[in-house]
Amino acid sequence: MIGLMVELAVTPDSGAAFERAFAVQAAAVQANEPGNRLYELFKSTTLSDSYTLVEIYEDDAALQAHRASPDMAANRPLTAPFLAGPPVMQVFEVIAHRL
């Protein structure tokens, strides 16, 4: 499995609007991507306007399908206006998980 952690900084005072836009994207991923195991957004309690997206995919094919999905193409423009800078992404190999 493949894990991603994506650090997202949003513009000041746009957190609520970003979260609403992201919820649409997350619902589409969870409904339409069977290779996705986790797609959760976390809001920092220590850094204002900072979020971390945690994603897990069954394999590289599932990750590539996510990146190329029509839902992502439609939803990226909904969240992009709220970003204060480019996302910072780390990719991991999942070596242990709960069943």
N, C-alpha and C. Protein backbone atom coordinates (compact mmCIF):
# COMPACT_ATOMS: atom_id res chain seq x y z
N MET A 1 0.83 -1.18 0.00
CA MET A 1 0.00 0.00 0.00
C MET A 1 0.88 1.25 0.00
N ILE A 2 0.27 2.33 -0.45
CA ILE A 2 0.97 3.61 -0.55
C ILE A 2 0.26 4.64 0.33
N GLY A 3 1.03 5.35 1.13
CA GLY A 3 0.48 6.41 1.98
C GLY A 3 1.02 7.76 1.55
N LEU A 4 0.20 8.77 1.67
CA LEU A 4 0.61 10.14 1.39
C LEU A 4 0.23 11.02 2.56
N MET A 5 1.10 11.96 2.87
CA MET A 5 0.79 13.04 3.81
C MET A 5 1.02 14.33 3.05
N VAL A 6 -0.02 15.13 2.98
CA VAL A 6 0.04 16.37 2.20
C VAL A 6 -0.23 17.54 3.14
N GLU A 7 0.79 18.38 3.30
CA GLU A 7 0.66 19.57 4.15
C GLU A 7 0.04 20.68 3.31
N LEU A 8 -1.03 21.28 3.83
CA LEU A 8 -1.76 22.32 3.12
C LEU A 8 -1.87 23.56 4.01
N ALA A 9 -1.38 24.68 3.54
CA ALA A 9 -1.55 25.95 4.23
C ALA A 9 -2.62 26.74 3.49
N VAL A 10 -3.61 27.24 4.21
CA VAL A 10 -4.67 28.01 3.58
C VAL A 10 -4.53 29.48 3.96
N THR A 11 -5.12 30.33 3.14
CA THR A 11 -5.05 31.76 3.40
C THR A 11 -5.81 32.08 4.69
N PRO A 12 -5.39 33.11 5.39
CA PRO A 12 -6.05 33.47 6.66
C PRO A 12 -7.55 33.65 6.48
N ASP A 13 -8.29 33.18 7.46
CA ASP A 13 -9.75 33.30 7.54
C ASP A 13 -10.50 32.55 6.44
N SER A 14 -9.84 31.61 5.77
CA SER A 14 -10.53 30.84 4.72
C SER A 14 -10.74 29.38 5.12
N GLY A 15 -10.41 29.04 6.35
CA GLY A 15 -10.49 27.64 6.77
C GLY A 15 -11.86 27.01 6.60
N ALA A 16 -12.90 27.70 7.02
CA ALA A 16 -14.25 27.12 6.94
C ALA A 16 -14.65 26.89 5.49
N ALA A 17 -14.37 27.84 4.62
CA ALA A 17 -14.70 27.69 3.20
C ALA A 17 -13.87 26.57 2.57
N PHE A 18 -12.61 26.49 2.94
CA PHE A 18 -11.75 25.41 2.44
C PHE A 18 -12.30 24.05 2.88
N GLU A 19 -12.68 23.94 4.13
CA GLU A 19 -13.21 22.67 4.65
C GLU A 19 -14.48 22.26 3.92
N ARG A 20 -15.36 23.20 3.63
CA ARG A 20 -16.59 22.87 2.88
C ARG A 20 -16.25 22.38 1.48
N ALA A 21 -15.33 23.06 0.80
CA ALA A 21 -14.94 22.64 -0.55
C ALA A 21 -14.25 21.28 -0.51
N PHE A 22 -13.41 21.07 0.49
CA PHE A 22 -12.70 19.81 0.60
C PHE A 22 -13.66 18.66 0.88
N ALA A 23 -14.70 18.90 1.65
CA ALA A 23 -15.68 17.85 1.97
C ALA A 23 -16.31 17.28 0.71
N VAL A 24 -16.55 18.13 -0.28
CA VAL A 24 -17.10 17.66 -1.57
C VAL A 24 -16.11 16.72 -2.24
N GLN A 25 -14.84 17.12 -2.25
CA GLN A 25 -13.79 16.31 -2.86
C GLN A 25 -13.65 14.98 -2.12
N ALA A 26 -13.61 15.00 -0.81
CA ALA A 26 -13.44 13.79 -0.02
C ALA A 26 -14.60 12.82 -0.24
N ALA A 27 -15.81 13.34 -0.30
CA ALA A 27 -16.97 12.48 -0.53
C ALA A 27 -16.87 11.78 -1.88
N ALA A 28 -16.40 12.49 -2.89
CA ALA A 28 -16.26 11.88 -4.22
C ALA A 28 -15.18 10.79 -4.21
N VAL A 29 -14.07 11.05 -3.54
CA VAL A 29 -13.01 10.04 -3.46
C VAL A 29 -13.54 8.79 -2.77
N GLN A 30 -14.18 8.97 -1.62
CA GLN A 30 -14.66 7.83 -0.86
C GLN A 30 -15.75 7.05 -1.60
N ALA A 31 -16.56 7.74 -2.39
CA ALA A 31 -17.66 7.07 -3.11
C ALA A 31 -17.22 6.40 -4.39
N ASN A 32 -16.20 6.93 -5.05
CA ASN A 32 -15.89 6.50 -6.42
C ASN A 32 -14.53 5.87 -6.62
N GLU A 33 -13.74 5.73 -5.57
CA GLU A 33 -12.40 5.18 -5.74
C GLU A 33 -12.22 3.95 -4.83
N PRO A 34 -12.52 2.78 -5.35
CA PRO A 34 -12.42 1.58 -4.51
C PRO A 34 -11.01 1.27 -4.04
N GLY A 35 -9.99 1.78 -4.71
CA GLY A 35 -8.60 1.54 -4.31
C GLY A 35 -8.13 2.47 -3.21
N ASN A 36 -8.96 3.42 -2.82
CA ASN A 36 -8.62 4.33 -1.73
C ASN A 36 -9.05 3.72 -0.41
N ARG A 37 -8.13 3.66 0.54
CA ARG A 37 -8.42 3.10 1.85
C ARG A 37 -8.64 4.18 2.91
N LEU A 38 -8.05 5.36 2.70
CA LEU A 38 -8.18 6.45 3.67
C LEU A 38 -7.98 7.77 2.95
N TYR A 39 -8.83 8.73 3.27
CA TYR A 39 -8.73 10.08 2.69
C TYR A 39 -9.31 11.02 3.73
N GLU A 40 -8.45 11.46 4.65
CA GLU A 40 -8.90 12.24 5.81
C GLU A 40 -8.10 13.54 5.92
N LEU A 41 -8.82 14.61 6.23
CA LEU A 41 -8.22 15.92 6.41
C LEU A 41 -8.16 16.23 7.91
N PHE A 42 -7.01 16.67 8.36
CA PHE A 42 -6.80 17.03 9.75
C PHE A 42 -6.44 18.51 9.84
N LYS A 43 -7.03 19.21 10.80
CA LYS A 43 -6.72 20.62 11.02
C LYS A 43 -5.77 20.72 12.21
N SER A 44 -4.70 21.46 12.03
CA SER A 44 -3.71 21.62 13.10
C SER A 44 -4.32 22.38 14.28
N THR A 45 -3.97 21.95 15.47
CA THR A 45 -4.36 22.68 16.67
C THR A 45 -3.23 23.57 17.17
N THR A 46 -2.08 23.49 16.50
CA THR A 46 -0.92 24.29 16.92
C THR A 46 -0.51 25.33 15.89
N LEU A 47 -0.82 25.11 14.62
CA LEU A 47 -0.47 26.06 13.56
C LEU A 47 -1.75 26.55 12.90
N SER A 48 -2.03 27.83 13.00
CA SER A 48 -3.25 28.34 12.40
C SER A 48 -3.20 28.20 10.89
N ASP A 49 -4.34 27.96 10.29
CA ASP A 49 -4.48 27.85 8.84
C ASP A 49 -3.64 26.73 8.23
N SER A 50 -3.42 25.67 9.01
CA SER A 50 -2.60 24.55 8.55
C SER A 50 -3.40 23.25 8.64
N TYR A 51 -3.33 22.46 7.57
CA TYR A 51 -4.04 21.19 7.47
C TYR A 51 -3.08 20.12 6.98
N THR A 52 -3.40 18.87 7.30
CA THR A 52 -2.68 17.72 6.75
C THR A 52 -3.71 16.76 6.19
N LEU A 53 -3.53 16.38 4.93
CA LEU A 53 -4.35 15.37 4.28
C LEU A 53 -3.58 14.06 4.35
N VAL A 54 -4.23 13.01 4.86
CA VAL A 54 -3.63 11.68 4.93
C VAL A 54 -4.40 10.77 3.99
N GLU A 55 -3.67 10.13 3.08
CA GLU A 55 -4.29 9.27 2.07
C GLU A 55 -3.60 7.92 2.08
N ILE A 56 -4.37 6.86 1.86
CA ILE A 56 -3.80 5.52 1.68
C ILE A 56 -4.48 4.87 0.48
N TYR A 57 -3.66 4.29 -0.39
CA TYR A 57 -4.14 3.61 -1.59
C TYR A 57 -3.63 2.18 -1.60
N GLU A 58 -4.41 1.28 -2.17
CA GLU A 58 -4.04 -0.14 -2.22
C GLU A 58 -2.72 -0.36 -2.96
N ASP A 59 -2.51 0.39 -4.05
CA ASP A 59 -1.31 0.22 -4.85
C ASP A 59 -1.12 1.43 -5.74
N ASP A 60 -0.07 1.42 -6.55
CA ASP A 60 0.22 2.55 -7.42
C ASP A 60 -0.88 2.77 -8.46
N ALA A 61 -1.48 1.70 -8.93
CA ALA A 61 -2.57 1.85 -9.90
C ALA A 61 -3.74 2.63 -9.29
N ALA A 62 -4.05 2.36 -8.02
CA ALA A 62 -5.14 3.08 -7.35
C ALA A 62 -4.77 4.55 -7.16
N LEU A 63 -3.52 4.82 -6.84
CA LEU A 63 -3.07 6.22 -6.70
C LEU A 63 -3.14 6.94 -8.04
N GLN A 64 -2.70 6.30 -9.10
CA GLN A 64 -2.75 6.92 -10.42
C GLN A 64 -4.20 7.14 -10.86
N ALA A 65 -5.07 6.20 -10.55
CA ALA A 65 -6.49 6.37 -10.87
C ALA A 65 -7.06 7.57 -10.12
N HIS A 66 -6.66 7.75 -8.88
CA HIS A 66 -7.09 8.91 -8.09
C HIS A 66 -6.65 10.21 -8.76
N ARG A 67 -5.38 10.26 -9.10
CA ARG A 67 -4.84 11.49 -9.69
C ARG A 67 -5.51 11.83 -11.02
N ALA A 68 -5.93 10.82 -11.77
CA ALA A 68 -6.52 11.04 -13.09
C ALA A 68 -8.05 11.06 -13.07
N SER A 69 -8.65 10.92 -11.90
CA SER A 69 -10.11 10.79 -11.84
C SER A 69 -10.82 12.08 -12.23
N PRO A 70 -11.97 11.95 -12.87
CA PRO A 70 -12.76 13.13 -13.22
C PRO A 70 -13.20 13.92 -11.99
N ASP A 71 -13.44 13.22 -10.88
CA ASP A 71 -13.82 13.92 -9.66
C ASP A 71 -12.71 14.85 -9.18
N MET A 72 -11.47 14.38 -9.23
CA MET A 72 -10.37 15.24 -8.80
C MET A 72 -10.21 16.42 -9.75
N ALA A 73 -10.35 16.19 -11.03
CA ALA A 73 -10.26 17.30 -12.00
C ALA A 73 -11.33 18.34 -11.73
N ALA A 74 -12.51 17.90 -11.33
CA ALA A 74 -13.61 18.82 -11.06
C ALA A 74 -13.46 19.52 -9.72
N ASN A 75 -12.87 18.83 -8.73
CA ASN A 75 -12.83 19.38 -7.37
C ASN A 75 -11.58 20.16 -7.02
N ARG A 76 -10.46 19.90 -7.69
CA ARG A 76 -9.25 20.68 -7.40
C ARG A 76 -9.49 22.18 -7.52
N PRO A 77 -10.19 22.65 -8.55
CA PRO A 77 -10.42 24.10 -8.65
C PRO A 77 -11.29 24.66 -7.52
N LEU A 78 -12.02 23.81 -6.81
CA LEU A 78 -12.84 24.28 -5.69
C LEU A 78 -11.99 24.57 -4.45
N THR A 79 -10.91 23.82 -4.27
CA THR A 79 -10.06 24.00 -3.09
C THR A 79 -8.86 24.90 -3.36
N ALA A 80 -8.39 24.93 -4.59
CA ALA A 80 -7.17 25.68 -4.94
C ALA A 80 -7.20 27.15 -4.55
N PRO A 81 -8.31 27.87 -4.70
CA PRO A 81 -8.30 29.30 -4.36
C PRO A 81 -8.00 29.59 -2.88
N PHE A 82 -8.15 28.60 -2.03
CA PHE A 82 -7.94 28.81 -0.60
C PHE A 82 -6.51 28.51 -0.15
N LEU A 83 -5.69 27.94 -1.03
CA LEU A 83 -4.33 27.55 -0.65
C LEU A 83 -3.41 28.76 -0.64
N ALA A 84 -2.60 28.85 0.42
CA ALA A 84 -1.65 29.96 0.55
C ALA A 84 -0.34 29.67 -0.17
N GLY A 85 -0.14 28.45 -0.60
CA GLY A 85 1.07 28.05 -1.30
C GLY A 85 0.90 26.65 -1.82
N PRO A 86 1.92 26.14 -2.49
CA PRO A 86 1.81 24.78 -3.03
C PRO A 86 1.79 23.74 -1.90
N PRO A 87 1.05 22.65 -2.09
CA PRO A 87 1.05 21.57 -1.10
C PRO A 87 2.44 20.96 -0.99
N VAL A 88 2.77 20.48 0.20
CA VAL A 88 4.03 19.77 0.43
C VAL A 88 3.65 18.31 0.68
N MET A 89 4.10 17.44 -0.23
CA MET A 89 3.68 16.04 -0.20
C MET A 89 4.83 15.11 0.14
N GLN A 90 4.52 14.15 0.99
CA GLN A 90 5.44 13.05 1.28
C GLN A 90 4.72 11.75 0.91
N VAL A 91 5.44 10.83 0.29
CA VAL A 91 4.87 9.55 -0.12
C VAL A 91 5.57 8.47 0.69
N PHE A 92 4.77 7.52 1.18
CA PHE A 92 5.28 6.46 2.04
C PHE A 92 4.83 5.09 1.53
N GLU A 93 5.62 4.09 1.87
CA GLU A 93 5.20 2.70 1.70
C GLU A 93 4.60 2.27 3.03
N VAL A 94 3.38 1.81 3.01
CA VAL A 94 2.72 1.36 4.25
C VAL A 94 3.28 -0.02 4.59
N ILE A 95 3.84 -0.14 5.78
CA ILE A 95 4.46 -1.41 6.15
C ILE A 95 3.65 -2.16 7.22
N ALA A 96 2.73 -1.48 7.89
CA ALA A 96 1.87 -2.13 8.87
C ALA A 96 0.54 -1.38 8.89
N HIS A 97 -0.54 -2.12 9.03
CA HIS A 97 -1.85 -1.49 9.09
C HIS A 97 -2.81 -2.37 9.89
N ARG A 98 -3.89 -1.73 10.32
CA ARG A 98 -4.93 -2.48 11.02
C ARG A 98 -5.85 -3.10 9.98
N LEU A 99 -6.37 -4.24 10.28
CA LEU A 99 -7.33 -4.89 9.40
C LEU A 99 -8.73 -4.53 9.78
